[in-house]
Every structure is written in structure tokens, then in C-alpha cells.
Protein backbone atom coordinates (compact mmCIF):
# COMPACT_ATOMS: atom_id res chain seq x y z
CA MET A 1 -13.75 24.88 -14.68
CA SER A 2 -11.79 27.05 -17.10
CA SER A 3 -10.05 28.90 -14.27
CA ILE A 4 -8.92 25.61 -12.74
CA LEU A 5 -7.59 24.37 -16.09
CA GLU A 6 -5.80 27.67 -16.65
CA ALA A 7 -3.94 27.08 -13.40
CA TYR A 8 -1.94 24.38 -15.18
CA ASN A 9 -0.74 26.94 -17.75
CA LEU A 10 -0.28 24.21 -20.35
CA THR A 11 0.97 24.92 -23.85
CA ALA A 12 -0.76 23.63 -26.96
CA LEU A 13 2.01 21.05 -27.39
CA GLN A 14 1.52 19.83 -23.81
CA TRP A 15 -2.24 19.50 -24.36
CA ILE A 16 -1.59 17.44 -27.50
CA ALA A 17 0.87 15.23 -25.59
CA ILE A 18 -1.60 14.71 -22.72
CA CYS A 19 -4.49 13.84 -25.06
CA PHE A 20 -2.25 11.40 -26.94
CA ALA A 21 -1.19 9.77 -23.66
CA VAL A 22 -4.80 9.41 -22.55
CA PHE A 23 -5.75 7.95 -25.94
CA LEU A 24 -2.94 5.41 -25.45
CA LEU A 25 -4.39 4.68 -21.99
CA GLY A 26 -7.70 3.71 -23.60
CA LEU A 27 -5.83 1.51 -26.07
CA SER A 28 -3.88 -0.11 -23.26
CA LYS A 29 -6.95 -0.97 -21.19
CA SER A 30 -8.70 -2.43 -24.23
CA GLY A 31 -5.95 -5.06 -24.43
CA ILE A 32 -3.11 -3.38 -26.36
CA LYS A 33 -0.74 -4.14 -23.50
CA GLY A 34 2.84 -2.96 -23.09
CA ILE A 35 2.36 0.71 -24.02
CA GLY A 36 1.79 1.86 -20.44
CA ILE A 37 5.40 3.01 -20.08
CA LEU A 38 4.83 5.57 -22.86
CA ILE A 39 1.83 6.99 -20.99
CA VAL A 40 3.86 7.32 -17.79
CA ILE A 41 6.76 9.01 -19.60
CA ILE A 42 4.56 11.54 -21.41
CA LEU A 43 2.62 12.56 -18.30
CA ALA A 44 5.79 12.72 -16.20
CA PHE A 45 7.30 15.04 -18.82
CA VAL A 46 4.31 17.41 -18.51
CA PHE A 47 3.50 17.26 -14.78
CA GLY A 48 6.63 15.83 -13.12
CA GLU A 49 7.25 12.30 -11.88
CA LYS A 50 5.25 12.16 -8.65
CA ALA A 51 2.50 14.62 -9.58
CA SER A 52 1.77 12.67 -12.75
CA THR A 53 0.83 9.58 -10.73
CA GLY A 54 -2.08 11.49 -9.20
CA VAL A 55 -3.17 12.88 -12.57
CA LEU A 56 -3.11 9.41 -14.12
CA LEU A 57 -4.75 7.32 -11.38
CA PRO A 58 -8.40 8.48 -11.73
CA MET A 59 -8.15 8.06 -15.50
CA LEU A 60 -6.82 4.54 -14.99
CA ILE A 61 -9.89 3.77 -12.89
CA VAL A 62 -12.24 5.17 -15.57
CA ALA A 63 -10.52 3.04 -18.22
CA ASP A 64 -10.59 0.02 -15.87
CA ILE A 65 -14.38 0.38 -15.57
CA PHE A 66 -14.79 0.12 -19.34
CA ALA A 67 -12.42 -2.87 -19.41
CA VAL A 68 -14.17 -4.83 -16.64
CA ILE A 69 -17.57 -4.23 -18.22
CA TYR A 70 -16.43 -5.34 -21.67
CA TYR A 71 -14.20 -8.28 -20.67
CA ASN A 72 -15.91 -9.30 -17.41
CA ARG A 73 -16.93 -12.79 -18.56
CA HIS A 74 -13.32 -13.67 -19.38
CA ALA A 75 -11.80 -12.90 -15.96
CA GLN A 76 -10.03 -15.80 -14.22
CA TRP A 77 -10.56 -15.11 -10.52
CA GLY A 78 -8.16 -17.78 -9.33
CA TYR A 79 -5.21 -15.71 -10.55
CA ILE A 80 -6.65 -12.52 -9.08
CA LYS A 81 -7.04 -14.14 -5.64
CA LYS A 82 -3.48 -15.48 -5.86
CA LEU A 83 -1.91 -12.11 -6.72
CA MET A 84 -4.09 -9.63 -4.83
CA PRO A 85 -2.79 -10.11 -1.24
CA TRP A 86 0.80 -9.64 -2.37
CA MET A 87 -0.11 -6.65 -4.53
CA ILE A 88 -1.74 -4.98 -1.53
CA ILE A 89 1.43 -5.51 0.50
CA GLY A 90 3.46 -4.09 -2.39
CA VAL A 91 1.22 -1.00 -2.53
CA LEU A 92 1.59 -0.40 1.22
CA VAL A 93 5.37 -0.69 0.99
CA GLY A 94 5.26 1.67 -2.00
CA VAL A 95 3.29 4.24 0.02
CA TRP A 96 5.88 4.04 2.79
CA VAL A 97 9.05 4.33 0.71
CA GLY A 98 7.64 6.19 -2.29
CA ASN A 99 8.71 9.60 -1.05
CA ASP A 100 12.31 8.54 -0.39
CA ILE A 101 13.36 6.14 -3.15
CA SER A 102 15.45 7.59 -5.96
CA GLU A 103 13.28 7.64 -9.08
CA VAL A 104 16.32 7.12 -11.31
CA LEU A 105 17.50 4.10 -9.32
CA PHE A 106 13.98 2.70 -9.18
CA LYS A 107 13.50 2.96 -12.95
CA ARG A 108 16.89 1.40 -13.70
CA ILE A 109 16.23 -1.56 -11.41
CA MET A 110 12.75 -2.02 -12.87
CA ALA A 111 14.11 -1.82 -16.42
CA VAL A 112 16.67 -4.53 -15.75
CA ILE A 113 14.02 -6.78 -14.13
CA ILE A 114 11.68 -6.27 -17.09
CA ILE A 115 14.30 -6.90 -19.76
CA VAL A 116 15.67 -10.01 -18.03
CA SER A 117 12.12 -11.30 -17.53
CA VAL A 118 11.28 -10.76 -21.21
CA ILE A 119 14.45 -12.60 -22.28
CA ILE A 120 13.38 -15.53 -20.09
CA MET A 121 9.89 -15.37 -21.61
CA PHE A 122 11.29 -15.41 -25.17
CA TYR A 123 13.32 -18.47 -24.19
CA THR A 124 10.33 -20.30 -22.70
CA GLU A 125 8.15 -19.38 -25.71
CA ASN A 126 10.55 -21.23 -28.00
CA ARG A 127 10.82 -24.34 -25.83
CA ALA A 128 8.89 -27.47 -26.73
CA SER A 129 7.59 -27.69 -23.17
CA LYS A 130 4.53 -25.56 -22.40
CA ASP A 131 4.63 -26.07 -18.62
CA ILE A 132 3.12 -23.34 -16.47
CA PRO A 133 5.25 -22.10 -13.52
CA LYS A 134 3.80 -23.54 -10.30
CA ASN A 135 6.40 -22.16 -7.87
CA LYS A 136 4.58 -20.08 -5.25
CA LEU A 137 7.58 -17.73 -5.10
CA PHE A 138 6.89 -16.75 -8.72
CA SER A 139 3.33 -15.54 -8.05
CA THR A 140 4.35 -13.99 -4.71
CA GLY A 141 7.21 -12.04 -6.27
CA ALA A 142 5.14 -10.97 -9.27
CA GLY A 143 2.29 -9.79 -7.03
CA PHE A 144 4.54 -7.84 -4.68
CA LEU A 145 6.52 -6.20 -7.49
CA ALA A 146 3.33 -5.31 -9.36
CA GLY A 147 1.82 -3.72 -6.24
CA PHE A 148 4.98 -1.79 -5.38
CA THR A 149 5.57 -0.52 -8.90
CA THR A 150 1.96 0.47 -9.50
CA MET A 151 2.01 2.63 -6.36
CA VAL A 152 5.38 4.25 -6.95
CA GLY A 153 5.06 4.93 -10.66
CA ASN A 154 2.05 3.21 -12.27
CA LEU A 155 4.58 0.80 -13.83
CA ALA A 156 3.07 -2.57 -12.95
CA GLY A 157 2.03 -3.36 -16.53
CA PRO A 158 5.27 -5.11 -17.61
CA ILE A 159 5.30 -7.29 -14.47
CA SER A 160 1.69 -8.38 -14.86
CA ASN A 161 2.20 -8.94 -18.61
CA ILE A 162 5.08 -11.31 -17.93
CA TYR A 163 3.12 -13.16 -15.24
CA PHE A 164 0.00 -13.70 -17.36
CA LEU A 165 2.07 -14.69 -20.38
CA ALA A 166 3.86 -17.24 -18.20
CA MET A 167 0.46 -18.57 -17.13
CA ARG A 168 -0.35 -18.95 -20.86
CA LEU A 169 -3.70 -17.20 -20.58
CA PRO A 170 -5.48 -16.81 -23.93
CA LYS A 171 -5.95 -13.26 -25.21
CA ASN A 172 -9.39 -12.46 -23.78
CA GLU A 173 -8.70 -14.19 -20.43
CA PHE A 174 -5.43 -12.22 -20.19
CA ILE A 175 -7.24 -8.91 -20.75
CA GLY A 176 -10.25 -9.68 -18.54
CA THR A 177 -8.18 -10.92 -15.60
CA ALA A 178 -5.80 -7.95 -15.77
CA ALA A 179 -8.77 -5.57 -16.03
CA TRP A 180 -10.34 -6.71 -12.75
CA LEU A 181 -6.99 -7.02 -10.99
CA PHE A 182 -5.99 -3.43 -11.71
CA PHE A 183 -9.45 -1.98 -11.19
CA ILE A 184 -9.44 -3.34 -7.63
CA ILE A 185 -5.86 -2.29 -6.88
CA ASN A 186 -6.25 1.19 -8.42
CA VAL A 187 -9.32 1.88 -6.28
CA PHE A 188 -7.33 0.65 -3.26
CA LYS A 189 -4.53 3.11 -4.12
CA LEU A 190 -6.82 6.13 -4.45
CA PRO A 191 -7.10 7.10 -0.73
CA PHE A 192 -3.31 7.11 -0.40
CA HIS A 193 -3.01 9.55 -3.29
CA PHE A 194 -5.73 11.71 -1.72
CA PHE A 195 -4.65 11.79 1.91
CA VAL A 196 -0.99 10.70 2.10
CA TRP A 197 0.75 11.86 -1.06
CA LYS A 198 -1.93 14.51 -1.87
CA THR A 199 -1.34 14.01 -5.59
CA VAL A 200 -5.08 13.74 -6.39
CA THR A 201 -6.76 17.13 -5.93
CA LYS A 202 -9.83 19.04 -7.11
CA GLU A 203 -7.75 20.48 -9.94
CA THR A 204 -6.49 17.10 -11.16
CA LEU A 205 -10.02 15.65 -11.05
CA VAL A 206 -11.36 18.51 -13.19
CA LEU A 207 -8.57 17.89 -15.68
CA ASN A 208 -9.47 14.18 -15.68
CA THR A 209 -13.10 14.91 -16.60
CA VAL A 210 -11.96 16.94 -19.62
CA LEU A 211 -9.87 14.00 -20.84
CA ILE A 212 -12.47 11.22 -20.47
CA PRO A 213 -13.55 11.36 -24.16
CA ALA A 214 -9.99 10.54 -25.25
CA ILE A 215 -10.06 7.46 -22.97
CA ILE A 216 -13.33 6.26 -24.50
CA ILE A 217 -12.14 6.75 -28.08
CA GLY A 218 -8.87 4.96 -27.35
CA PHE A 219 -10.66 2.05 -25.66
CA PHE A 220 -13.02 1.28 -28.52
CA VAL A 221 -10.35 1.75 -31.17
CA GLY A 222 -8.25 -0.74 -29.17
CA VAL A 223 -11.13 -3.23 -28.90
CA ALA A 224 -11.45 -3.23 -32.70
CA ILE A 225 -7.70 -3.82 -33.08
CA VAL A 226 -7.57 -6.63 -30.49
CA LYS A 227 -10.28 -8.55 -32.36
CA LEU A 228 -7.98 -8.72 -35.38
CA ILE A 229 -5.01 -10.20 -33.47
CA SER A 230 -4.66 -13.97 -33.03
CA ASN A 231 -3.65 -15.48 -29.69
CA ILE A 232 -0.14 -16.35 -30.94
CA ASN A 233 0.51 -12.94 -32.45
CA TYR A 234 -0.95 -11.28 -29.34
CA ARG A 235 1.63 -13.03 -27.13
CA ARG A 236 4.46 -11.98 -29.45
CA PHE A 237 3.20 -8.40 -29.58
CA ILE A 238 3.05 -8.15 -25.77
CA LEU A 239 6.57 -9.54 -25.41
CA ILE A 240 8.07 -7.16 -27.97
CA VAL A 241 6.32 -4.03 -26.67
CA THR A 242 7.10 -4.92 -23.05
CA ALA A 243 10.78 -5.35 -23.95
CA LEU A 244 10.80 -1.99 -25.75
CA GLY A 245 9.17 -0.37 -22.72
CA GLY A 246 11.89 -1.77 -20.47
CA ALA A 247 14.57 -0.44 -22.83
CA VAL A 248 12.96 3.02 -22.89
CA MET A 249 12.84 3.02 -19.08
CA LEU A 250 16.50 1.98 -18.87
CA PHE A 251 17.89 4.59 -21.25
CA ARG A 252 15.45 7.40 -20.58
């Protein structure tokens, strides 16, 4: 194992950054949504944009397992069934174009979509009407964008956050539904990272096993924090952090 880890030739600062990112991953999957962009940025800084997606994916699945076990009873399967077909299509398109799309252009477009979406969400939050969007195009577009962005850069979090906020899911239902949705889609993505992009390797899997404790610590710290946040404050927190993530992506 040590010889495989030495192959990465990581500095002490890089190890600290990776462990911090993985701790944030545990926090994110426990329900502290909106910080996923920071995880992606840190790992991309250490491993490179595309390679980092393969390093991150197995750890996402490990964190997803904890999330689905803990929040399983809160999952709303109607939303999962509505989004999943379009997410699968988005993933397949992402596999196809992922090697060719400009990462800079992709991130800028995504940042603009996220920021505009958050502005719309802030507007709807302050309206007297609490109507839930029923337009099929809304769920179709959200599902496709989430699938495409999760394949290309593990950046589906802001899209799914906006969708579930628009659906006005309470805190635990939000977390439980997102947990199952991304567990299923991340497992679906895994063979493409193995056999098409070849970003998941024996070396990355060994590195993942070393980092599992940081995921577990982050998850249970996050669970304790989520219990202290009310539904109203949770919605506001997600909106603010998602907007900040979009801004970071835009100006990175």
C-alpha cells in the first residue's frame, strides 16, 4: 500500500488539503449542502480536473451509503423516479462529450446557470405564494443538467439543491431524497470511470481506503450540526452557500 501511495508524491500540504476536502465531503452528505464545489476545487488543484473526478467518485459512493442508511426513511421516491431517467441521459451525454468540452467554458456556463437559478429562488422565497413548480420541463431540465454535470465534474449539487428547494421539501426529506438519488447515479457512473475514462484505478482505490475515516468523521459531525438547524434556516443556508459556490466557480 505504501508504495502505491508514494506514487502520488504528495506534499504534506496536499495531504492536508485532501483530508480537509474529504472531511467536507462527509459534511456535505450528512446534509450540509452547497459545499460540494469546494471539494471539487481542492481535489482538482491536487490531482487535475479530470483525474480528480475518478479520485472523488468512490468516496462519494462511500459517503452516499452512510447517507442512505441514516436518512433512508425520509426519502421521497416520487421525485427520484421523476429525475432519474433524465439524469441517466445526462450522464451518458456527459460520457460522450466529457473528453472534448472546454472545462473553462463548462464551468462558466454552469456558474451563470447556478447564480441565475439562485436569484430566482431568492425571489420565490420572498413571494407570498408557496406554489410548487409543476412544469414538466423544469424537472426534465433539472434532471438532465444534474446528470450531465455530475458526470463531467461532480458538480450536480447546486442543480439538485435548487430543484429540491423549489419543491419545498423539508430538511430531512431533502437530505434523504438527495442521498438515494446520488447513490444510484454515482454507482451508475462508476463503470464509465473504470472502462471509458479510466480515471478510477487500483491506485486511486487504495488512496480512497486511506481517506475513509475522514469521510466518517465529517458525516457524523455534519449530522450533529444539521439537527441544530431549523427548516427555514436550512433553506436559507443552502441558498447562500449554493450562490457562493456558483460565484467561486465563475471567478475561479
